[in-house]
Protein backbone atom coordinates (compact mmCIF):
# COMPACT_ATOMS: atom_id res chain seq x y z
CA MET A 1 80.66 79.40 69.98
CA VAL A 2 80.43 77.47 66.91
CA GLU A 3 77.24 74.94 66.86
CA ARG A 4 76.50 74.22 63.45
CA VAL A 5 78.56 73.44 60.35
CA ARG A 6 77.84 72.23 56.89
CA LEU A 7 79.23 69.46 55.07
CA SER A 8 79.42 68.79 51.57
CA LEU A 9 76.94 65.87 50.68
CA GLY A 10 79.64 63.56 49.31
CA THR A 11 81.76 64.31 53.00
CA ALA A 12 78.37 63.36 55.01
CA ILE A 13 78.00 60.26 53.09
CA GLN A 14 81.77 59.25 53.61
CA VAL A 15 81.70 59.93 57.37
CA GLY A 16 78.34 58.00 58.11
CA LEU A 17 75.84 61.30 58.43
CA GLU A 18 74.12 60.59 55.51
CA SER A 19 73.12 57.36 53.58
CA GLY A 20 74.50 56.73 50.04
CA ASP A 21 77.16 54.87 48.15
CA ARG A 22 80.74 55.97 49.55
CA ASP A 23 83.03 57.07 46.62
CA PRO A 24 86.47 55.47 46.61
CA ASN A 25 87.88 58.40 44.94
CA PHE A 26 86.91 60.93 47.89
CA THR A 27 90.06 62.16 49.29
CA THR A 28 89.05 65.34 50.95
CA ALA A 29 86.55 66.15 53.66
CA PHE A 30 84.87 69.46 52.88
CA LEU A 31 83.30 71.47 55.57
CA MET A 32 81.64 74.87 55.23
CA THR A 33 81.05 77.82 57.82
CA TYR A 34 77.28 78.10 58.76
CA ARG A 35 75.55 81.37 59.45
CA ASP A 36 71.66 82.25 59.61
CA GLY A 37 71.40 84.66 57.12
CA GLY A 38 74.14 83.53 54.73
CA CYS A 39 76.92 85.39 53.22
CA GLU A 40 77.42 89.17 52.86
CA ALA A 41 79.64 88.67 49.78
CA ASN A 42 77.92 88.91 46.38
CA CYS A 43 79.83 86.98 43.75
CA ALA A 44 77.76 86.74 40.50
CA PHE A 45 78.53 83.01 39.92
CA CYS A 46 77.77 81.92 43.88
CA PRO A 47 74.68 80.36 45.29
CA GLN A 48 75.77 81.71 48.50
CA ALA A 49 75.47 85.50 47.52
CA LYS A 50 73.65 87.80 49.22
CA GLU A 51 71.27 88.34 45.84
CA SER A 52 71.27 84.72 45.08
CA THR A 53 68.10 82.95 44.97
CA SER A 54 69.43 79.63 44.86
CA ALA A 55 68.80 77.04 47.81
CA SER A 56 70.80 78.01 50.84
CA ASP A 57 72.60 74.78 51.20
CA ARG A 58 74.51 75.07 47.56
CA LEU A 59 77.84 75.67 46.48
CA SER A 60 78.50 75.15 42.77
CA ARG A 61 76.73 71.89 42.13
CA ILE A 62 77.00 70.57 45.42
CA SER A 63 74.56 70.37 48.30
CA TRP A 64 75.81 71.20 51.43
CA PRO A 65 73.52 69.84 54.56
CA GLU A 66 73.96 71.29 57.87
CA TYR A 67 75.05 69.17 61.19
CA GLY A 68 75.93 70.26 64.67
CA LEU A 69 79.88 70.65 64.89
CA SER A 70 79.91 68.31 67.96
CA GLU A 71 77.97 65.54 66.06
CA VAL A 72 80.57 65.97 63.20
CA ILE A 73 83.47 65.62 65.39
CA ASP A 74 81.87 62.64 67.12
CA THR A 75 81.55 60.85 63.90
CA TRP A 76 84.74 61.53 62.48
CA PRO A 77 86.37 58.49 60.85
CA PRO A 78 89.59 57.08 61.68
CA PRO A 79 92.95 57.85 59.72
CA GLY A 80 92.73 56.47 56.18
CA GLN A 81 89.29 57.88 55.26
CA PHE A 82 90.71 61.07 54.09
CA ARG A 83 93.97 62.79 52.83
CA ARG A 84 93.16 66.49 53.85
CA ILE A 85 90.48 68.65 55.22
CA CYS A 86 89.15 71.68 53.14
CA ILE A 87 86.92 74.43 55.47
CA GLN A 88 85.20 76.56 53.03
CA THR A 89 84.11 80.01 54.55
CA ILE A 90 81.36 82.32 53.87
CA CYS A 91 81.90 86.13 54.27
CA TYR A 92 80.44 87.54 57.70
CA PRO A 93 81.74 89.47 60.86
CA ASP A 94 82.59 86.62 62.98
CA VAL A 95 83.67 84.22 60.64
CA MET A 96 87.28 84.24 61.98
CA ASN A 97 86.20 82.98 65.51
CA ASP A 98 84.26 80.43 63.99
CA VAL A 99 86.76 79.09 61.43
CA VAL A 100 89.40 79.12 64.42
CA GLU A 101 87.27 77.06 66.75
CA ILE A 102 86.51 74.58 63.80
CA VAL A 103 90.11 74.05 62.71
CA GLY A 104 90.68 73.62 66.84
CA GLU A 105 87.95 71.04 67.03
CA LEU A 106 89.09 69.19 64.22
CA ARG A 107 92.77 69.13 65.59
CA LYS A 108 91.33 67.14 68.49
CA VAL A 109 90.65 64.21 66.03
CA SER A 110 92.57 64.68 62.85
CA LYS A 111 96.14 65.12 62.13
CA LEU A 112 95.45 65.54 58.42
CA PRO A 113 96.34 68.98 56.63
CA ILE A 114 93.66 71.52 56.76
CA SER A 115 92.89 74.08 54.29
CA VAL A 116 91.22 77.29 54.75
CA ALA A 117 89.50 79.10 51.96
CA ILE A 118 88.63 82.65 53.12
CA HIS A 119 88.67 86.24 52.37
CA PRO A 120 91.39 88.46 52.80
CA VAL A 121 91.87 88.63 56.70
CA SER A 122 94.42 90.51 58.70
CA THR A 123 97.90 89.21 59.08
CA ASP A 124 97.04 88.77 62.75
CA ASP A 125 94.36 86.79 61.63
CA MET A 126 96.29 84.48 59.54
CA VAL A 127 98.73 83.87 62.34
CA ARG A 128 95.71 82.71 64.34
CA LEU A 129 94.83 80.26 61.64
CA LYS A 130 98.05 78.72 61.49
CA ASP A 131 98.76 78.61 65.07
CA ILE A 132 95.43 76.62 65.57
CA GLY A 133 96.35 73.90 63.14
CA ALA A 134 95.52 75.45 59.51
CA SER A 135 98.11 74.06 57.15
CA ASN A 136 97.15 75.83 54.15
CA ILE A 137 95.22 79.10 52.99
CA GLY A 138 93.37 79.84 49.89
CA ILE A 139 92.23 83.20 48.98
CA ALA A 140 90.09 83.20 45.61
CA LEU A 141 90.51 85.77 43.05
CA ASP A 142 88.26 83.71 40.55
CA ALA A 143 88.86 86.19 38.00
CA SER A 144 91.96 86.80 35.84
CA THR A 145 91.68 90.39 35.26
CA PRO A 146 91.26 93.26 37.45
CA GLU A 147 88.25 94.15 35.35
CA ILE A 148 86.30 90.92 35.57
CA PHE A 149 86.99 90.74 39.28
CA GLU A 150 85.28 93.89 39.88
CA GLU A 151 82.46 92.89 37.69
CA ILE A 152 81.64 89.59 38.95
CA LYS A 153 83.05 89.84 42.53
CA GLY A 154 83.69 93.62 43.67
CA GLU A 155 82.55 97.05 42.96
CA HIS A 156 80.05 96.38 40.19
CA ARG A 157 78.39 93.98 42.69
CA GLY A 158 78.11 96.07 45.52
CA ALA A 159 80.38 94.16 47.73
CA GLU A 160 83.72 95.20 49.71
CA TYR A 161 85.86 92.89 47.55
CA ARG A 162 88.57 94.55 45.67
CA TRP A 163 91.08 92.94 43.40
CA ARG A 164 93.95 94.81 45.03
CA SER A 165 93.13 93.94 48.66
CA HIS A 166 92.65 90.12 47.36
CA ARG A 167 96.11 90.00 45.81
CA GLN A 168 97.62 91.98 48.65
CA GLY A 169 96.11 89.19 50.92
CA LEU A 170 97.78 86.56 49.02
CA LEU A 171 101.01 88.12 49.55
CA ASP A 172 100.60 88.63 53.20
CA ALA A 173 99.60 84.73 53.10
CA LEU A 174 102.84 83.96 51.31
CA GLU A 175 104.78 85.50 54.41
CA ILE A 176 102.79 83.80 57.19
CA PHE A 177 102.22 80.22 55.55
CA GLY A 178 104.94 80.09 53.06
CA GLU A 179 105.49 79.30 49.35
CA GLY A 180 103.48 76.02 48.59
CA ARG A 181 100.84 76.47 51.27
CA VAL A 182 99.17 79.48 49.46
CA THR A 183 96.35 78.74 46.76
CA THR A 184 93.96 80.98 44.69
CA HIS A 185 91.09 79.84 42.36
CA LEU A 186 90.74 80.65 38.75
CA ILE A 187 87.21 80.06 37.14
CA ILE A 188 87.45 79.63 33.39
CA GLY A 189 84.38 81.06 31.63
CA LEU A 190 83.76 84.52 33.24
CA GLY A 191 84.36 86.37 30.12
CA GLU A 192 88.29 86.24 29.86
CA THR A 193 90.17 85.48 27.04
CA GLU A 194 92.44 82.26 27.09
CA LYS A 195 95.62 84.58 26.95
CA GLU A 196 94.50 86.48 30.06
CA ALA A 197 93.84 83.27 31.78
CA ALA A 198 97.33 82.01 30.98
CA ASP A 199 98.78 85.23 32.01
CA PHE A 200 97.30 85.08 35.41
CA ILE A 201 98.58 81.65 35.85
CA VAL A 202 102.08 82.70 35.26
CA ASP A 203 101.58 85.61 37.60
CA MET A 204 100.54 83.54 40.16
CA TYR A 205 103.21 80.99 40.22
CA GLN A 206 105.76 83.61 39.70
CA MET A 207 104.43 84.93 42.95
CA GLY A 208 104.48 81.46 44.45
CA VAL A 209 100.69 81.17 44.71
CA SER A 210 99.46 77.75 43.50
CA VAL A 211 96.36 77.98 41.06
CA GLY A 212 93.10 75.38 41.26
CA LEU A 213 91.26 75.68 38.28
CA PHE A 214 87.56 75.50 38.02
CA ALA A 215 85.02 75.39 34.92
CA PHE A 216 82.42 77.83 35.34
CA THR A 217 78.99 76.28 36.45
CA ASN A 218 75.70 77.67 35.86
CA ILE A 219 73.84 77.41 38.83
CA LYS A 220 69.71 78.63 38.83
CA GLY A 221 69.06 81.32 40.87
CA THR A 222 72.63 83.14 40.59
CA SER A 223 73.20 86.26 38.49
CA LEU A 224 75.08 84.13 36.00
CA GLU A 225 72.52 81.29 35.48
CA ASP A 226 71.93 81.79 31.94
CA ARG A 227 75.81 81.85 31.04
CA SER A 228 77.26 79.06 29.51
CA PRO A 229 79.99 76.74 30.59
CA PRO A 230 83.46 77.12 29.02
CA ASP A 231 83.98 75.45 25.83
CA LEU A 232 85.49 72.01 26.10
CA SER A 233 88.35 72.55 23.82
CA SER A 234 89.25 75.87 25.26
CA TYR A 235 89.27 74.51 28.94
CA PRO A 236 92.08 71.82 28.50
CA ARG A 237 94.37 74.34 26.93
CA ILE A 238 94.15 76.45 30.19
CA GLN A 239 94.77 73.12 31.99
CA VAL A 240 97.86 72.36 29.98
CA VAL A 241 99.11 75.88 30.59
CA ARG A 242 98.74 75.57 34.40
CA GLN A 243 100.59 72.36 34.32
CA LEU A 244 103.58 73.40 32.35
CA VAL A 245 103.92 76.56 34.17
CA PHE A 246 103.68 74.50 37.61
CA GLN A 247 106.33 72.19 36.21
CA GLY A 248 108.66 75.42 35.27
CA LEU A 249 108.37 74.46 31.62
CA LEU A 250 106.51 77.46 30.29
CA ALA A 251 106.91 81.33 30.55
CA SER A 252 104.66 84.16 29.63
CA ASP A 253 106.52 84.81 26.27
CA GLN A 254 105.98 81.42 25.07
CA ILE A 255 102.38 81.91 25.07
CA ARG A 256 100.62 83.29 21.97
CA ALA A 257 97.14 84.58 21.30
CA SER A 258 95.95 83.46 17.64
CA GLU A 259 93.41 85.22 15.48
CA ASP A 260 90.36 82.99 16.71
CA GLY A 261 90.96 83.66 20.59
CA SER A 262 92.75 80.66 21.15
CA ILE A 263 96.22 80.51 22.41
CA SER A 264 99.44 78.27 21.03
CA ILE A 265 102.59 77.46 23.01
CA GLU A 266 105.97 77.50 21.68
CA ILE A 267 107.39 74.35 23.04
CA GLU A 268 108.15 71.27 21.16
CA ASP A 269 105.41 68.92 20.57
CA GLU A 270 107.45 66.03 22.13
CA LYS A 271 108.09 67.97 25.30
CA ILE A 272 104.27 68.90 25.95
CA ARG A 273 103.37 65.14 25.23
CA GLU A 274 106.02 64.06 27.82
CA ALA A 275 104.77 66.67 30.42
CA LEU A 276 100.95 65.39 29.92
CA SER A 277 101.50 61.66 29.64
CA SER A 278 100.70 60.98 33.29
CA GLY A 279 97.13 62.90 32.72
CA VAL A 280 97.77 64.81 35.90
CA ALA A 281 97.05 68.15 33.93
CA PHE A 282 93.52 67.11 33.37
CA GLN A 283 92.81 66.16 36.92
CA VAL A 284 91.56 68.44 39.60
CA THR A 285 93.99 70.98 40.89
CA GLY A 286 94.38 72.88 43.95
CA CYS A 287 95.88 71.70 47.27
CA LYS A 288 97.71 68.50 47.50
CA GLY A 289 95.27 65.55 48.12
CA CYS A 290 92.13 67.38 46.82
CA ASN A 291 89.97 66.13 44.07
CA ARG A 292 86.34 67.57 44.59
CA PRO A 293 84.40 64.76 42.80
CA PHE A 294 81.76 66.29 40.49
CA TYR A 295 81.94 69.85 41.97
CA ASN A 296 81.87 71.22 38.43
CA GLU A 297 80.58 68.10 36.39
CA ARG A 298 77.84 66.07 36.22
CA PRO A 299 78.47 62.47 36.81
CA ARG A 300 77.35 61.76 32.96
CA GLY A 301 79.94 64.44 31.80
CA PRO A 302 81.24 66.35 29.96
CA MET A 303 84.33 66.08 32.43
CA TYR A 304 86.36 69.53 32.78
CA ASN A 305 88.56 68.02 35.89
CA TYR A 306 88.85 64.25 36.40
CA PRO A 307 88.72 63.41 40.14
CA ARG A 308 91.00 60.19 39.39
CA ARG A 309 93.77 59.07 37.41
CA LEU A 310 92.94 59.09 33.70
CA THR A 311 92.96 56.00 31.69
CA GLU A 312 95.68 56.08 28.69
CA GLU A 313 92.72 56.63 26.18
CA GLU A 314 91.43 59.77 28.22
CA VAL A 315 94.83 61.13 28.29
CA LEU A 316 95.24 60.77 24.51
CA ARG A 317 92.04 62.22 23.86
CA ALA A 318 92.47 65.04 26.33
CA ILE A 319 95.56 65.80 24.63
CA GLU A 320 94.27 65.82 21.21
CA GLU A 321 91.16 67.93 22.35
CA THR A 322 93.69 70.72 23.06
CA ASN A 323 94.96 71.41 19.84
CA LEU A 324 98.15 72.23 20.95
CA VAL A 325 100.40 69.41 19.55
CA VAL A 326 100.07 67.87 15.81
C-alpha cells in the first residue's frame, strides 16, 4: 500500500499543501513515487541516482517534498486548476504496484489526462497502467546515441538500463497506448553533436514517438555537476528541428552538419519563419498541456524552454539566435 508520494514544490503550492505565490502558468500537477532508499538506477545527471550525493528530494532543479498520498487526494483541487497530471517514477522492484495504486487513487478525484514517466516495463504492466487510467506513457532515452546512453545511463554506470531495451519499450508502448500517447526525453548537452540530436528526433517521430526536449542542468552532487549547460545558440536549433519534424516539414536528408559542428536546414527561410512565428518551438515540449515551469531554468534566466507563450519580441530574438535564417 502506498503511504507517501512526492509533489514538486510548485504543485504543492498550487494545491495548498505549501505556502507561496501561485503561478498562473502552472498547467501540470507533478507527482513522484517515494521509496526509502531511493532509486536503484544510476543516471549520471540525476539527483535521484544511487551514487548521487544530492539532496534526496531533488529532481533537476526542483524540490519535491513528500506527503501522505491520502493527504494529497483529500486536498486535490476542483477542475480547472490543472490540464494534466504527470507521475514521475524512480526505479525499484515494487514501483509498478505503487504507480498503479497512485493512478487509481487519482482517478477517483480527477478526469484529467495522466502521464506516467517510467523505465521500460513488461507489456502486461503497460496494460495495467492503461486499464487503471493512465493515458500516456513516457520512457526516457535521454541520450541521442547508444554510446552516450551506455555512458550516462547504462552499462558504464553499473546500471541495468540498456539502449536496446529502452527502445524496445517505446515500441511496446506504441502497441498498447497508441501513437500520440508515447513520449521520450532528449537531454541536450550530454556530449552529442547537433546532427546526432537532430537524427534522434527524426528517428523518434518516424517511429511515432513524441520528443520532449530538456537542456542539461548541472546539479551539485551528481556525477556531471561540473559539466556546463548547452550553448544558448545551439539549443534553439534543436528546438527548431523538433518543431519542423513534428509538423512534417523536415526530413533527415534536409539537415546538414557544418564544419563548426552546427547544423543547417535546407528549407526556404520564409517557410522556417512561418513555422516558427507562433513561438511554440521555443516553449516546453512533451505531453500536451505540460509546461514544467523553471525545471531547467532559473527565474532570472537564461530561458531554454519557455513555460508560457512568448512575446513577439521574444519570438523574433529566438529565431535570430538560431542562425538558421537570414
